[in-house]
């Protein structure tokens, strides 16, 4: 079937296919890099937020003031992607908890391991809280991945529009060369 087509059509098809393939490969590399750098940015942002909340919570931890600690964590409601957080005392006792959806989050996998972890649908950051070089508690914050999903969706739409526009341009240029 392909043999019966004109050389003009075959050349147009070849040039269009190569152009679209090159754009898809370049776009894939761009998306992979963008998502990776955005994840790094999310970790930095959540880690900074955990440090700020930890510093603000130090007095509540030292004096076991659960009401103050709860008010500090309640401020997380202004961050739409933060789903939950828990503030623990030095011996792992819960001082305060924030839960956007009133679902109990399971932080046990992160206990005693400061750092961050991505899972299928969330990012969890764990931070030890210190006062005068003495550990006085821990903070765990969970963020959903809605920001990454929205960014990926926007990137894919933009790339689709670019590939479509470039395809029309390539077709126009190829048709002029004949």
Foldseek 3Di string as FASTA:
>chain_A
DVVPDDPLVVVLVVLLVVLLVVLVVVLVVVLVVVLVVVVVVVQVVVVVVQQVLLVQCPVCLVVLPLVSNQVSQVVCVVVPFWAKKFKAFPVGHTSYMDGPVPDDDDCPVCPPPAAWDDDPFKIKGKDFHDDPNHTTIIMIIIGTCPVSVVVSVVSVVVSVVVSVVVSVVSSVVSVVVD
